Amino acid sequence: MVSGFILYIDGTILLNADFNGKMLVFILLIFTSILYLFMTIYVFFVLVQYELSILQTLKNSLFLSIGYFFHTLAFLTLISGAIILIFFAPFFLIIIGSLLAFIMYFIFLKLPSEIRKNQNGMYHHKY
């Protein structure tokens, strides 16, 4: 949450500042924001499923979000659909959060069983 706030403040400052290389910094900020968004999708699933340190949880969330890119896009589609549904039918605000979490966690549990825990708490694909 703090990271998202920092990215927001950086974006606000970047849009108001004028300097050479602004476009490069803006592209880096967009890339970082996308990685942050991808990681926040998986971080809660990893926290619930595994007993890891905070750094290992963030690493695994990053690896899962990139390694299972199509699942990540499916999660983003589900979240976007839920937001659109709430916009047009505000009554669903009461139940859509828990329903969305249940569906997304079910999909997370169905990720290929190739993910195995090794001695360091890191997860990897078994090839």
C-alpha atoms as a PDB file:
ATOM      1  CA  MET A   1       0.000   0.000   0.000  1.00  0.00           C
ATOM      2  CA  VAL A   2       2.812   2.365   0.861  1.00  0.00           C
ATOM      3  CA  SER A   3       4.554   1.455  -2.388  1.00  0.00           C
ATOM      4  CA  GLY A   4       1.442   2.326  -4.373  1.00  0.00           C
ATOM      5  CA  PHE A   5       1.222   5.684  -2.614  1.00  0.00           C
ATOM      6  CA  ILE A   6       4.884   6.366  -3.380  1.00  0.00           C
ATOM      7  CA  LEU A   7       4.316   5.489  -7.058  1.00  0.00           C
ATOM      8  CA  TYR A   8       1.329   7.855  -7.128  1.00  0.00           C
ATOM      9  CA  ILE A   9       3.335  10.716  -5.601  1.00  0.00           C
ATOM     10  CA  ASP A  10       6.206  10.054  -8.022  1.00  0.00           C
ATOM     11  CA  GLY A  11       3.773  10.161 -10.935  1.00  0.00           C
ATOM     12  CA  THR A  12       2.250  13.404  -9.732  1.00  0.00           C
ATOM     13  CA  ILE A  13       5.652  15.034  -9.338  1.00  0.00           C
ATOM     14  CA  LEU A  14       6.757  13.694 -12.720  1.00  0.00           C
ATOM     15  CA  LEU A  15       3.717  15.130 -14.505  1.00  0.00           C
ATOM     16  CA  ASN A  16       4.322  18.567 -12.975  1.00  0.00           C
ATOM     17  CA  ALA A  17       8.089  18.669 -13.525  1.00  0.00           C
ATOM     18  CA  ASP A  18       9.806  19.574 -16.768  1.00  0.00           C
ATOM     19  CA  PHE A  19      13.304  18.232 -17.407  1.00  0.00           C
ATOM     20  CA  ASN A  20      15.361  16.361 -19.977  1.00  0.00           C
ATOM     21  CA  GLY A  21      14.682  12.642 -19.939  1.00  0.00           C
ATOM     22  CA  LYS A  22      11.154  13.014 -18.610  1.00  0.00           C
ATOM     23  CA  MET A  23       9.829  10.440 -21.087  1.00  0.00           C
ATOM     24  CA  LEU A  24      12.375   7.818 -20.003  1.00  0.00           C
ATOM     25  CA  VAL A  25      11.506   8.297 -16.329  1.00  0.00           C
ATOM     26  CA  PHE A  26       7.800   8.180 -17.204  1.00  0.00           C
ATOM     27  CA  ILE A  27       8.261   4.851 -19.043  1.00  0.00           C
ATOM     28  CA  LEU A  28      10.165   3.436 -16.052  1.00  0.00           C
ATOM     29  CA  LEU A  29       7.397   4.632 -13.719  1.00  0.00           C
ATOM     30  CA  ILE A  30       4.716   2.969 -15.878  1.00  0.00           C
ATOM     31  CA  PHE A  31       6.709  -0.288 -15.968  1.00  0.00           C
ATOM     32  CA  THR A  32       7.159  -0.202 -12.173  1.00  0.00           C
ATOM     33  CA  SER A  33       3.452   0.511 -11.681  1.00  0.00           C
ATOM     34  CA  ILE A  34       2.505  -2.475 -13.847  1.00  0.00           C
ATOM     35  CA  LEU A  35       4.837  -4.748 -11.868  1.00  0.00           C
ATOM     36  CA  TYR A  36       3.340  -3.387  -8.628  1.00  0.00           C
ATOM     37  CA  LEU A  37      -0.171  -4.113  -9.889  1.00  0.00           C
ATOM     38  CA  PHE A  38       0.791  -7.650 -10.939  1.00  0.00           C
ATOM     39  CA  MET A  39       2.458  -8.347  -7.593  1.00  0.00           C
ATOM     40  CA  THR A  40      -0.464  -7.107  -5.528  1.00  0.00           C
ATOM     41  CA  ILE A  41      -2.711  -9.648  -7.226  1.00  0.00           C
ATOM     42  CA  TYR A  42      -0.628 -12.588  -6.022  1.00  0.00           C
ATOM     43  CA  VAL A  43       0.775 -11.309  -2.727  1.00  0.00           C
ATOM     44  CA  PHE A  44      -2.336 -12.149  -0.705  1.00  0.00           C
ATOM     45  CA  PHE A  45      -2.603 -15.627  -2.196  1.00  0.00           C
ATOM     46  CA  VAL A  46       1.026 -16.346  -1.335  1.00  0.00           C
ATOM     47  CA  LEU A  47       0.559 -14.945   2.179  1.00  0.00           C
ATOM     48  CA  VAL A  48      -2.402 -17.229   2.797  1.00  0.00           C
ATOM     49  CA  GLN A  49      -0.948 -20.341   1.208  1.00  0.00           C
ATOM     50  CA  TYR A  50       2.683 -20.306   2.399  1.00  0.00           C
ATOM     51  CA  GLU A  51       4.605 -19.284   5.512  1.00  0.00           C
ATOM     52  CA  LEU A  52       7.342 -17.015   4.164  1.00  0.00           C
ATOM     53  CA  SER A  53       9.122 -13.818   5.098  1.00  0.00           C
ATOM     54  CA  ILE A  54       7.920 -10.569   3.578  1.00  0.00           C
ATOM     55  CA  LEU A  55      10.777 -10.432   1.071  1.00  0.00           C
ATOM     56  CA  GLN A  56      10.211 -14.045  -0.028  1.00  0.00           C
ATOM     57  CA  THR A  57       6.493 -13.354  -0.355  1.00  0.00           C
ATOM     58  CA  LEU A  58       7.149 -10.362  -2.611  1.00  0.00           C
ATOM     59  CA  LYS A  59       9.667 -12.312  -4.701  1.00  0.00           C
ATOM     60  CA  ASN A  60       7.293 -15.223  -5.151  1.00  0.00           C
ATOM     61  CA  SER A  61       4.454 -12.878  -6.048  1.00  0.00           C
ATOM     62  CA  LEU A  62       6.618 -11.281  -8.703  1.00  0.00           C
ATOM     63  CA  PHE A  63       7.722 -14.639 -10.106  1.00  0.00           C
ATOM     64  CA  LEU A  64       4.159 -15.974 -10.148  1.00  0.00           C
ATOM     65  CA  SER A  65       2.773 -12.855 -11.812  1.00  0.00           C
ATOM     66  CA  ILE A  66       5.340 -13.024 -14.597  1.00  0.00           C
ATOM     67  CA  GLY A  67       5.528 -16.821 -14.841  1.00  0.00           C
ATOM     68  CA  TYR A  68       1.759 -17.198 -15.106  1.00  0.00           C
ATOM     69  CA  PHE A  69       1.131 -14.123 -17.210  1.00  0.00           C
ATOM     70  CA  PHE A  70      -2.148 -15.346 -18.697  1.00  0.00           C
ATOM     71  CA  HIS A  71      -3.509 -16.109 -15.229  1.00  0.00           C
ATOM     72  CA  THR A  72      -2.508 -12.595 -14.217  1.00  0.00           C
ATOM     73  CA  LEU A  73      -4.378 -11.173 -17.206  1.00  0.00           C
ATOM     74  CA  ALA A  74      -7.395 -13.315 -16.280  1.00  0.00           C
ATOM     75  CA  PHE A  75      -7.294 -11.915 -12.738  1.00  0.00           C
ATOM     76  CA  LEU A  76      -7.098  -8.363 -14.094  1.00  0.00           C
ATOM     77  CA  THR A  77     -10.055  -9.102 -16.377  1.00  0.00           C
ATOM     78  CA  LEU A  78     -12.073 -10.436 -13.429  1.00  0.00           C
ATOM     79  CA  ILE A  79     -11.250  -7.374 -11.343  1.00  0.00           C
ATOM     80  CA  SER A  80     -12.136  -5.030 -14.224  1.00  0.00           C
ATOM     81  CA  GLY A  81     -15.411  -6.880 -14.792  1.00  0.00           C
ATOM     82  CA  ALA A  82     -16.248  -6.594 -11.100  1.00  0.00           C
ATOM     83  CA  ILE A  83     -15.580  -2.853 -11.140  1.00  0.00           C
ATOM     84  CA  ILE A  84     -17.793  -2.410 -14.208  1.00  0.00           C
ATOM     85  CA  LEU A  85     -20.535  -4.525 -12.613  1.00  0.00           C
ATOM     86  CA  ILE A  86     -20.418  -2.434  -9.443  1.00  0.00           C
ATOM     87  CA  PHE A  87     -20.567   0.756 -11.511  1.00  0.00           C
ATOM     88  CA  PHE A  88     -23.774  -0.323 -13.242  1.00  0.00           C
ATOM     89  CA  ALA A  89     -25.310  -2.259 -10.332  1.00  0.00           C
ATOM     90  CA  PRO A  90     -24.078  -0.827  -7.014  1.00  0.00           C
ATOM     91  CA  PHE A  91     -25.985  -3.484  -5.066  1.00  0.00           C
ATOM     92  CA  PHE A  92     -23.286  -5.999  -5.981  1.00  0.00           C
ATOM     93  CA  LEU A  93     -20.794  -4.003  -3.922  1.00  0.00           C
ATOM     94  CA  ILE A  94     -21.991  -6.018  -0.917  1.00  0.00           C
ATOM     95  CA  ILE A  95     -21.077  -9.443  -2.310  1.00  0.00           C
ATOM     96  CA  ILE A  96     -18.688  -8.939  -5.206  1.00  0.00           C
ATOM     97  CA  GLY A  97     -15.546  -8.559  -3.078  1.00  0.00           C
ATOM     98  CA  SER A  98     -15.854 -11.905  -1.332  1.00  0.00           C
ATOM     99  CA  LEU A  99     -17.095 -13.639  -4.476  1.00  0.00           C
ATOM    100  CA  LEU A 100     -14.184 -12.255  -6.477  1.00  0.00           C
ATOM    101  CA  ALA A 101     -11.680 -13.316  -3.809  1.00  0.00           C
ATOM    102  CA  PHE A 102     -13.152 -16.832  -3.756  1.00  0.00           C
ATOM    103  CA  ILE A 103     -13.006 -17.201  -7.549  1.00  0.00           C
ATOM    104  CA  MET A 104      -9.481 -15.816  -7.793  1.00  0.00           C
ATOM    105  CA  TYR A 105      -8.193 -18.020  -4.965  1.00  0.00           C
ATOM    106  CA  PHE A 106      -9.799 -21.051  -6.612  1.00  0.00           C
ATOM    107  CA  ILE A 107      -7.960 -20.224  -9.844  1.00  0.00           C
ATOM    108  CA  PHE A 108      -4.738 -19.689  -7.880  1.00  0.00           C
ATOM    109  CA  LEU A 109      -5.045 -23.145  -6.323  1.00  0.00           C
ATOM    110  CA  LYS A 110      -5.500 -24.649  -9.793  1.00  0.00           C
ATOM    111  CA  LEU A 111      -2.165 -23.301 -11.039  1.00  0.00           C
ATOM    112  CA  PRO A 112      -0.043 -26.140 -12.366  1.00  0.00           C
ATOM    113  CA  SER A 113       1.261 -28.413  -9.647  1.00  0.00           C
ATOM    114  CA  GLU A 114       4.796 -27.885 -10.940  1.00  0.00           C
ATOM    115  CA  ILE A 115       5.332 -25.274  -8.245  1.00  0.00           C
ATOM    116  CA  ARG A 116       7.351 -26.943  -5.510  1.00  0.00           C
ATOM    117  CA  LYS A 117       8.897 -25.528  -2.390  1.00  0.00           C
ATOM    118  CA  ASN A 118      12.641 -25.938  -2.002  1.00  0.00           C
ATOM    119  CA  GLN A 119      14.782 -25.441   1.099  1.00  0.00           C
ATOM    120  CA  ASN A 120      14.998 -21.643   0.827  1.00  0.00           C
ATOM    121  CA  GLY A 121      11.265 -21.059   0.637  1.00  0.00           C
ATOM    122  CA  MET A 122      11.487 -20.105  -3.028  1.00  0.00           C
ATOM    123  CA  TYR A 123       9.188 -21.643  -5.589  1.00  0.00           C
ATOM    124  CA  HIS A 124      10.208 -22.689  -9.046  1.00  0.00           C
ATOM    125  CA  HIS A 125       8.950 -24.522 -12.087  1.00  0.00           C
ATOM    126  CA  LYS A 126       9.917 -28.158 -12.352  1.00  0.00           C
ATOM    127  CA  TYR A 127      11.070 -28.691 -15.925  1.00  0.00           C
END
